[in-house]
């Protein structure tokens, strides 16, 4: 593909409002199944590449047939599925743990590989799948990798998916018009499956008390896949604790004490392969403080910490709605994660490079910009300096929000709007 043409095409696509995007007739192009592509991302701070590991067909696509083209433009990666004639029939933005690693000091001197799985409705015919990377210095999306996916290819796996039982935690309607959340247990043994189900319900009871989720509960289906681990808990390398678990999760990711992740994305994809989902949540059976949330990849929370519920909602804000961290004083592994000369894609932070694309419409004309942090502004949507791991140069919309601290009452109006827009997209 011509690189300049690719950049111009994808930039044009992402600039179009949702109402103007060409509708794609689902039944013209897709079956009721989903296609899975396992990728390997390799690189360092300076460069990256992608390669295809395997393609497979799994039992069920749970997404809306009316939401096939991504209207948001979020994510550091973007996938398009095109017919051989060039028509875009599916697209979606996402993030990866690999992208985060590329901003760590280690990536300056070391090249590593990470796995990443992408899913899309299973095509009826041969298609081209294109992967784009976001260029940090310009925020444009540029072609990174492409491959042909043919459902009739004899080397495309057509197994039935994992045989782990799937439990209905709460079902409110047809999958294609609901947000289907799949909860995967990590570090729960066979004897702890009842605890897992109880922990799921405890998390959901908290989750659905907070807006906008409390008003949108009927728009969600909740599923759990009963996949036991050999041992209880998770790895804590800096405390020399190692557990044999189904997803091989681990604290101390990128040498940060509280950062708990699943580094091999295909392990999670294997466990989820027989279950319906729009979004994946990993619930880890441990009491240490930590977690993670990666946009359109997964959210991970801890079961038994005193702040477990608050952390879970925060991390799901990352993974589901593409919300950024609004804090700037806690330890992180990254160096210069955001380029202050460009506008970040996340809907709840801004460098003021293109504030009009964010929440400018929600700020009263009488509100000063930047907005001072004082008691009289505690419930005022404004432009408060300090966010995205930077005390200066990046701004947030509220003095305190669940994307900033665990003590916040809930999400700010800007984050609530972003979450509602995402729920609407999945439920069309």
Protein backbone atom coordinates (compact mmCIF):
# COMPACT_ATOMS: atom_id res chain seq x y z
CA UNK A 1 0.00 0.00 0.00
CA UNK A 2 1.19 3.52 -0.73
CA UNK A 3 2.07 4.95 2.70
CA UNK A 4 0.86 8.48 2.01
CA UNK A 5 -2.43 7.24 0.60
CA UNK A 6 -2.91 4.99 3.63
CA UNK A 7 -2.38 7.84 6.07
CA UNK A 8 -4.73 10.16 4.18
CA UNK A 9 -7.40 7.49 3.86
CA UNK A 10 -7.47 6.50 7.51
CA UNK A 11 -7.28 10.14 8.66
CA UNK A 12 -10.28 10.96 6.48
CA UNK A 13 -12.21 7.98 7.79
CA UNK A 14 -11.64 8.93 11.42
CA UNK A 15 -12.61 12.56 10.83
CA UNK A 16 -16.11 11.65 9.70
CA UNK A 17 -18.87 11.87 12.31
CA UNK A 18 -20.69 8.65 13.05
CA UNK A 19 -23.86 9.71 11.26
CA UNK A 20 -21.96 10.19 8.01
CA UNK A 21 -20.17 6.84 7.97
CA UNK A 22 -21.37 4.52 5.25
CA UNK A 23 -23.59 1.76 6.61
CA UNK A 24 -22.41 -1.80 6.15
CA UNK A 25 -25.01 -4.54 5.71
CA UNK A 26 -23.88 -7.25 8.10
CA UNK A 27 -25.50 -10.17 6.31
CA UNK A 28 -23.89 -9.21 3.02
CA UNK A 29 -20.42 -9.80 4.42
CA UNK A 30 -20.43 -11.78 7.67
CA UNK A 31 -21.61 -15.01 9.29
CA UNK A 32 -22.78 -15.35 12.90
CA UNK A 33 -19.30 -16.54 13.94
CA UNK A 34 -16.23 -14.49 14.80
CA UNK A 35 -12.75 -14.61 13.32
CA UNK A 36 -9.69 -14.41 15.53
CA UNK A 37 -6.22 -13.37 14.45
CA UNK A 38 -3.29 -13.91 16.80
CA UNK A 39 -0.52 -11.40 16.17
CA UNK A 40 3.02 -10.92 17.40
CA UNK A 41 4.19 -7.34 17.94
CA UNK A 42 7.95 -6.87 18.05
CA UNK A 43 10.09 -3.80 18.55
CA UNK A 44 11.60 -1.22 20.86
CA UNK A 45 11.29 2.49 21.57
CA UNK A 46 12.35 3.42 18.05
CA UNK A 47 10.58 0.91 15.82
CA UNK A 48 7.99 -1.85 15.72
CA UNK A 49 6.69 -4.55 13.40
CA UNK A 50 3.81 -7.01 13.39
CA UNK A 51 3.44 -10.57 12.15
CA UNK A 52 0.63 -13.09 11.93
CA UNK A 53 0.78 -16.16 14.12
CA UNK A 54 -2.53 -17.88 13.42
CA UNK A 55 -6.12 -17.35 12.25
CA UNK A 56 -9.08 -19.25 13.66
CA UNK A 57 -12.88 -19.19 13.56
CA UNK A 58 -14.73 -19.19 16.87
CA UNK A 59 -18.38 -19.94 17.61
CA UNK A 60 -20.11 -16.62 18.15
CA UNK A 61 -19.89 -12.91 17.30
CA UNK A 62 -21.74 -11.01 20.04
CA UNK A 63 -21.48 -7.50 18.59
CA UNK A 64 -24.19 -5.36 17.10
CA UNK A 65 -24.72 -5.84 13.34
CA UNK A 66 -25.28 -2.09 13.18
CA UNK A 67 -21.95 -1.11 14.76
CA UNK A 68 -19.27 -2.30 12.38
CA UNK A 69 -17.36 0.90 11.59
CA UNK A 70 -15.55 2.58 14.51
CA UNK A 71 -16.79 6.18 14.93
CA UNK A 72 -14.47 7.21 17.78
CA UNK A 73 -10.92 7.19 16.46
CA UNK A 74 -9.56 6.04 19.84
CA UNK A 75 -6.55 3.83 20.34
CA UNK A 76 -2.88 3.56 19.46
CA UNK A 77 -3.71 0.86 16.92
CA UNK A 78 -6.53 0.55 14.43
CA UNK A 79 -7.70 -2.48 12.49
CA UNK A 80 -9.68 -2.41 9.25
CA UNK A 81 -11.27 -5.32 7.43
CA UNK A 82 -11.80 -4.73 3.71
CA UNK A 83 -13.28 -6.72 0.89
CA UNK A 84 -10.82 -7.70 -1.81
CA UNK A 85 -12.40 -4.91 -3.87
CA UNK A 86 -11.40 -2.39 -1.16
CA UNK A 87 -14.67 -1.68 0.70
CA UNK A 88 -14.17 -1.15 4.45
CA UNK A 89 -16.63 -3.48 6.20
CA UNK A 90 -15.29 -3.41 9.76
CA UNK A 91 -12.95 -1.26 11.84
CA UNK A 92 -11.94 -0.83 15.45
CA UNK A 93 -9.31 0.98 17.53
CA UNK A 94 -7.46 -0.65 20.41
CA UNK A 95 -4.45 -0.47 22.68
CA UNK A 96 -1.81 -3.01 23.66
CA UNK A 97 0.53 -3.70 26.55
CA UNK A 98 3.32 -3.68 23.97
CA UNK A 99 2.62 -0.03 23.15
CA UNK A 100 2.99 0.84 26.84
CA UNK A 101 6.25 -1.09 27.07
CA UNK A 102 7.69 0.92 24.17
CA UNK A 103 7.54 4.01 26.42
CA UNK A 104 9.56 2.41 29.24
CA UNK A 105 13.31 2.95 29.76
CA UNK A 106 13.96 -0.73 29.01
CA UNK A 107 12.69 -0.29 25.46
CA UNK A 108 15.49 2.16 24.74
CA UNK A 109 18.03 -0.68 24.73
CA UNK A 110 16.04 -3.90 24.28
CA UNK A 111 13.83 -5.39 21.57
CA UNK A 112 10.93 -7.58 22.76
CA UNK A 113 7.86 -9.36 21.40
CA UNK A 114 4.33 -9.38 22.80
CA UNK A 115 1.28 -11.31 21.64
CA UNK A 116 -1.98 -9.59 20.75
CA UNK A 117 -5.28 -11.02 19.54
CA UNK A 118 -7.82 -9.15 17.43
CA UNK A 119 -11.37 -10.30 16.68
CA UNK A 120 -13.92 -9.33 14.05
CA UNK A 121 -17.09 -10.87 12.57
CA UNK A 122 -16.23 -13.91 10.50
CA UNK A 123 -16.30 -12.90 6.82
CA UNK A 124 -18.19 -14.95 4.26
CA UNK A 125 -15.45 -14.39 1.71
CA UNK A 126 -11.75 -13.64 1.54
CA UNK A 127 -10.85 -10.24 3.07
CA UNK A 128 -7.81 -8.07 3.65
CA UNK A 129 -7.02 -7.13 7.25
CA UNK A 130 -4.99 -3.96 7.75
CA UNK A 131 -3.31 -2.92 10.99
CA UNK A 132 -2.39 0.73 11.58
CA UNK A 133 -0.12 2.28 14.21
CA UNK A 134 -0.54 5.76 15.64
CA UNK A 135 2.50 7.96 15.11
CA UNK A 136 3.19 9.68 18.42
CA UNK A 137 4.67 12.87 16.96
CA UNK A 138 1.69 13.56 14.68
CA UNK A 139 -1.13 11.38 16.10
CA UNK A 140 -1.82 10.17 12.56
CA UNK A 141 -2.44 6.51 11.84
CA UNK A 142 -0.01 4.87 9.44
CA UNK A 143 -0.04 1.36 7.90
CA UNK A 144 1.91 -1.20 9.93
CA UNK A 145 0.92 -4.64 8.62
CA UNK A 146 -1.66 -6.42 6.49
CA UNK A 147 -2.69 -9.97 5.68
CA UNK A 148 -5.36 -11.91 3.81
CA UNK A 149 -7.94 -13.83 5.83
CA UNK A 150 -9.87 -16.49 3.94
CA UNK A 151 -12.54 -18.46 5.85
CA UNK A 152 -12.19 -21.26 3.26
CA UNK A 153 -8.46 -21.62 3.84
CA UNK A 154 -7.85 -25.15 5.13
CA UNK A 155 -5.20 -23.85 7.51
CA UNK A 156 -7.64 -21.55 9.29
CA UNK A 157 -8.52 -23.33 12.52
CA UNK A 158 -12.19 -24.22 12.84
CA UNK A 159 -12.29 -25.79 16.28
CA UNK A 160 -15.25 -25.26 18.57
CA UNK A 161 -13.46 -23.04 21.09
CA UNK A 162 -12.61 -23.75 24.70
CA UNK A 163 -14.78 -26.25 26.52
CA UNK A 164 -14.91 -24.28 29.79
CA UNK A 165 -18.50 -23.84 31.00
CA UNK A 166 -20.00 -20.37 30.59
CA UNK A 167 -22.23 -19.13 33.42
CA UNK A 168 -24.94 -16.51 32.93
CA UNK A 169 -24.44 -13.97 35.72
CA UNK A 170 -27.02 -11.49 34.40
CA UNK A 171 -28.69 -11.52 30.99
CA UNK A 172 -30.98 -8.66 29.93
CA UNK A 173 -31.60 -9.38 26.27
CA UNK A 174 -30.20 -10.35 22.89
CA UNK A 175 -26.42 -10.22 22.69
CA UNK A 176 -26.40 -8.19 19.49
CA UNK A 177 -28.10 -5.26 21.22
CA UNK A 178 -26.36 -5.42 24.60
CA UNK A 179 -22.88 -4.83 25.95
CA UNK A 180 -21.70 -8.37 26.67
CA UNK A 181 -19.13 -8.45 29.46
CA UNK A 182 -17.15 -11.65 29.92
CA UNK A 183 -15.45 -12.18 33.28
CA UNK A 184 -12.50 -14.59 33.32
CA UNK A 185 -11.19 -15.99 36.62
CA UNK A 186 -7.46 -15.89 37.29
CA UNK A 187 -5.98 -17.72 40.26
CA UNK A 188 -9.24 -19.39 41.28
CA UNK A 189 -8.93 -23.17 41.71
CA UNK A 190 -11.65 -25.68 40.86
CA UNK A 191 -12.75 -25.57 44.50
CA UNK A 192 -13.01 -21.76 44.36
CA UNK A 193 -15.46 -21.41 41.48
CA UNK A 194 -18.29 -20.57 43.87
CA UNK A 195 -16.11 -17.81 45.35
CA UNK A 196 -15.46 -16.59 41.82
CA UNK A 197 -19.17 -16.32 41.06
CA UNK A 198 -19.79 -14.53 44.37
CA UNK A 199 -16.92 -12.14 43.67
CA UNK A 200 -18.41 -11.40 40.24
CA UNK A 201 -21.71 -10.44 41.83
CA UNK A 202 -20.00 -8.30 44.46
CA UNK A 203 -18.18 -6.35 41.76
CA UNK A 204 -21.34 -5.91 39.72
CA UNK A 205 -23.33 -4.70 42.71
CA UNK A 206 -20.79 -1.90 43.09
CA UNK A 207 -20.42 -1.30 39.36
CA UNK A 208 -24.13 -0.78 38.78
CA UNK A 209 -24.51 1.73 41.61
CA UNK A 210 -22.28 4.26 39.82
CA UNK A 211 -23.43 6.44 36.93
CA UNK A 212 -23.77 6.01 34.08
CA UNK A 213 -23.84 2.25 34.65
CA UNK A 214 -26.66 2.44 37.22
CA UNK A 215 -28.97 4.00 34.63
CA UNK A 216 -27.84 1.62 31.89
CA UNK A 217 -27.92 -1.74 33.68
CA UNK A 218 -30.48 -3.17 31.28
CA UNK A 219 -28.02 -2.55 28.44
CA UNK A 220 -25.56 -5.14 29.77
CA UNK A 221 -25.27 -8.91 29.75
CA UNK A 222 -22.74 -10.45 32.13
CA UNK A 223 -21.12 -13.81 31.50
CA UNK A 224 -18.45 -15.76 33.37
CA UNK A 225 -16.25 -18.50 31.98
CA UNK A 226 -15.49 -21.13 34.61
CA UNK A 227 -11.81 -21.71 33.89
CA UNK A 228 -9.96 -22.90 37.02
CA UNK A 229 -6.27 -22.47 37.80
CA UNK A 230 -3.99 -25.08 39.31
CA UNK A 231 -3.07 -22.71 42.14
CA UNK A 232 -4.70 -19.77 43.88
CA UNK A 233 -3.41 -16.22 43.56
CA UNK A 234 -0.99 -14.60 41.11
CA UNK A 235 2.74 -14.01 40.60
CA UNK A 236 4.45 -11.33 42.70
CA UNK A 237 8.01 -11.54 41.35
CA UNK A 238 9.63 -8.95 43.64
CA UNK A 239 8.35 -10.92 46.64
CA UNK A 240 9.46 -14.24 45.08
CA UNK A 241 5.86 -15.48 44.91
CA UNK A 242 5.02 -17.60 41.88
CA UNK A 243 1.67 -19.26 41.16
CA UNK A 244 0.60 -21.72 38.47
CA UNK A 245 -2.46 -19.94 37.03
CA UNK A 246 -4.40 -20.19 33.81
CA UNK A 247 -3.46 -16.73 32.48
CA UNK A 248 -0.01 -16.46 34.06
CA UNK A 249 -0.76 -12.95 35.36
CA UNK A 250 1.89 -11.07 37.28
CA UNK A 251 2.45 -8.00 39.39
CA UNK A 252 5.57 -5.88 38.91
CA UNK A 253 4.91 -5.36 35.21
CA UNK A 254 7.52 -2.91 33.88
CA UNK A 255 9.01 -2.99 37.42
CA UNK A 256 6.03 -1.15 38.94
CA UNK A 257 4.82 -2.72 42.19
CA UNK A 258 1.07 -2.33 41.63
CA UNK A 259 0.93 -2.99 37.89
CA UNK A 260 -0.75 -6.39 37.44
CA UNK A 261 -1.19 -7.62 33.86
CA UNK A 262 -1.55 -10.61 31.58
CA UNK A 263 1.43 -10.33 29.26
CA UNK A 264 0.48 -13.18 26.90
CA UNK A 265 -2.77 -12.03 25.31
CA UNK A 266 -3.32 -15.33 23.52
CA UNK A 267 -3.73 -17.17 26.84
CA UNK A 268 -6.73 -14.99 27.60
CA UNK A 269 -8.05 -15.38 24.06
CA UNK A 270 -7.86 -19.17 24.39
CA UNK A 271 -9.94 -19.12 27.57
CA UNK A 272 -12.51 -16.78 26.01
CA UNK A 273 -12.70 -18.64 22.71
CA UNK A 274 -15.98 -20.45 23.44
CA UNK A 275 -17.79 -17.56 25.12
CA UNK A 276 -19.66 -14.45 23.91
CA UNK A 277 -18.15 -11.03 24.65
CA UNK A 278 -17.84 -7.41 23.63
CA UNK A 279 -15.42 -6.65 26.47
CA UNK A 280 -13.25 -8.85 28.69
CA UNK A 281 -12.66 -8.49 32.42
CA UNK A 282 -10.07 -10.57 34.28
CA UNK A 283 -10.75 -11.03 38.00
CA UNK A 284 -7.64 -12.07 39.94
CA UNK A 285 -8.04 -13.95 43.21
CA UNK A 286 -5.63 -12.00 45.40
CA UNK A 287 -5.56 -9.25 48.02
CA UNK A 288 -2.59 -7.14 46.88
CA UNK A 289 -3.43 -3.69 45.48
CA UNK A 290 -3.19 -3.41 41.71
CA UNK A 291 -4.73 -3.90 38.30
CA UNK A 292 -4.74 -2.61 34.72
CA UNK A 293 -7.01 -1.53 31.91
CA UNK A 294 -6.09 -1.54 28.22
CA UNK A 295 -8.52 -0.09 25.68
CA UNK A 296 -10.46 -2.75 23.75
CA UNK A 297 -8.11 -5.38 25.13
CA UNK A 298 -9.03 -6.20 28.73
CA UNK A 299 -9.55 -4.83 32.23
CA UNK A 300 -8.05 -6.56 35.23
CA UNK A 301 -9.07 -6.23 38.87
CA UNK A 302 -8.23 -7.83 42.22
CA UNK A 303 -10.84 -9.68 44.27
CA UNK A 304 -9.95 -9.07 47.91
CA UNK A 305 -8.15 -5.75 48.34
CA UNK A 306 -9.89 -3.01 50.33
CA UNK A 307 -9.88 -0.84 47.20
CA UNK A 308 -10.69 -3.68 44.80
CA UNK A 309 -14.08 -2.32 43.77
CA UNK A 310 -12.84 1.22 43.15
CA UNK A 311 -9.86 -0.02 41.14
CA UNK A 312 -12.09 -2.28 39.06
CA UNK A 313 -14.34 0.59 37.97
CA UNK A 314 -11.32 2.76 37.17
CA UNK A 315 -9.62 0.09 35.06
CA UNK A 316 -12.83 -0.71 33.21
CA UNK A 317 -13.02 2.99 32.30
CA UNK A 318 -9.73 2.53 30.46
CA UNK A 319 -10.57 -0.71 28.72
CA UNK A 320 -14.17 0.00 27.74
CA UNK A 321 -14.45 3.74 27.12
CA UNK A 322 -10.84 4.65 26.31
CA UNK A 323 -10.56 6.98 29.32
CA UNK A 324 -7.10 8.23 30.28
CA UNK A 325 -5.54 8.36 33.73
CA UNK A 326 -6.10 11.80 35.20
CA UNK A 327 -3.54 11.46 38.00
CA UNK A 328 -0.01 12.78 37.76
CA UNK A 329 1.72 12.08 41.09
CA UNK A 330 1.75 8.25 41.29
CA UNK A 331 4.66 6.13 40.08
CA UNK A 332 4.45 4.93 36.48
CA UNK A 333 6.90 3.12 34.24
CA UNK A 334 6.58 5.46 31.29
CA UNK A 335 8.76 8.31 30.13
CA UNK A 336 7.07 11.02 28.05
CA UNK A 337 3.98 8.91 27.42
CA UNK A 338 2.22 11.87 25.76
CA UNK A 339 3.63 14.36 23.27
CA UNK A 340 2.51 17.76 24.55
CA UNK A 341 2.66 19.20 21.03
CA UNK A 342 -0.23 16.98 19.90
CA UNK A 343 -3.78 16.35 21.12
CA UNK A 344 -4.17 12.95 22.83
CA UNK A 345 -6.96 10.75 21.52
CA UNK A 346 -8.49 9.98 24.93
CA UNK A 347 -11.76 11.90 25.48
CA UNK A 348 -11.05 13.08 29.06
CA UNK A 349 -7.64 14.77 28.76
CA UNK A 350 -6.34 17.58 26.57
CA UNK A 351 -3.12 19.43 25.77
CA UNK A 352 -5.27 22.30 24.44
CA UNK A 353 -3.90 21.68 20.94
CA UNK A 354 -7.43 20.79 19.81
CA UNK A 355 -9.63 21.40 22.82
CA UNK A 356 -12.63 21.89 20.55
CA UNK A 357 -12.65 18.16 19.85
CA UNK A 358 -12.96 17.37 23.57
CA UNK A 359 -15.31 18.84 26.19
CA UNK A 360 -15.17 22.53 25.26
CA UNK A 361 -18.93 22.40 24.62
CA UNK A 362 -19.48 21.42 28.27
CA UNK A 363 -17.54 24.36 29.77
CA UNK A 364 -19.55 27.44 30.74
CA UNK A 365 -18.37 30.67 29.12
CA UNK A 366 -17.83 32.20 32.56
CA UNK A 367 -15.42 29.42 33.60
CA UNK A 368 -11.78 30.54 33.42
CA UNK A 369 -9.34 28.44 31.39
CA UNK A 370 -7.16 27.08 32.94
CA UNK A 371 -9.58 26.58 35.81
CA UNK A 372 -8.31 27.09 39.38
CA UNK A 373 -8.56 24.17 41.81
CA UNK A 374 -10.65 25.41 44.74
CA UNK A 375 -13.72 24.35 46.69
CA UNK A 376 -16.07 26.56 44.70
CA UNK A 377 -15.15 24.61 41.54
CA UNK A 378 -15.55 21.13 43.02
CA UNK A 379 -18.48 20.36 40.74
CA UNK A 380 -17.57 22.58 37.81
CA UNK A 381 -16.54 21.19 34.43
CA UNK A 382 -13.44 23.11 33.51
CA UNK A 383 -9.84 22.74 32.38
CA UNK A 384 -7.68 21.75 35.36
CA UNK A 385 -3.94 21.36 34.89
CA UNK A 386 -2.41 18.03 35.79
CA UNK A 387 -3.36 14.73 34.12
CA UNK A 388 -1.94 11.89 32.06
CA UNK A 389 1.13 11.49 34.34
CA UNK A 390 2.09 15.16 33.81
CA UNK A 391 1.70 17.96 36.35
CA UNK A 392 2.07 20.53 33.59
CA UNK A 393 0.81 20.75 30.03
CA UNK A 394 -2.04 18.20 30.19
CA UNK A 395 -5.48 19.09 31.54
CA UNK A 396 -8.45 17.19 32.98
CA UNK A 397 -12.14 18.21 33.07
CA UNK A 398 -12.90 17.94 36.82
CA UNK A 399 -11.05 18.48 40.08
CA UNK A 400 -11.63 14.86 41.06
CA UNK A 401 -13.03 11.90 39.15
CA UNK A 402 -12.81 8.13 39.36
CA UNK A 403 -10.17 8.32 36.62
CA UNK A 404 -8.03 10.38 39.04
CA UNK A 405 -8.50 8.90 42.52
CA UNK A 406 -10.19 6.02 44.30
CA UNK A 407 -11.81 8.52 46.68
CA UNK A 408 -13.82 10.31 44.03
CA UNK A 409 -17.58 9.91 44.32
CA UNK A 410 -17.81 8.73 40.73
CA UNK A 411 -17.11 9.75 37.17
CA UNK A 412 -17.17 13.38 36.10
CA UNK A 413 -19.73 14.56 33.50
CA UNK A 414 -17.16 14.33 30.69
CA UNK A 415 -16.33 10.71 31.49
CA UNK A 416 -20.03 9.88 31.93
CA UNK A 417 -20.71 11.21 28.44
CA UNK A 418 -17.85 9.19 26.96
CA UNK A 419 -19.06 5.99 28.64
CA UNK A 420 -22.64 6.57 27.50
CA UNK A 421 -21.49 7.04 23.93
CA UNK A 422 -19.67 3.74 24.05
CA UNK A 423 -22.68 1.91 25.51
CA UNK A 424 -24.87 3.42 22.78
CA UNK A 425 -22.46 2.18 20.12
CA UNK A 426 -22.57 -1.43 21.32
CA UNK A 427 -26.35 -1.44 21.78
CA UNK A 428 -27.41 -0.11 18.37
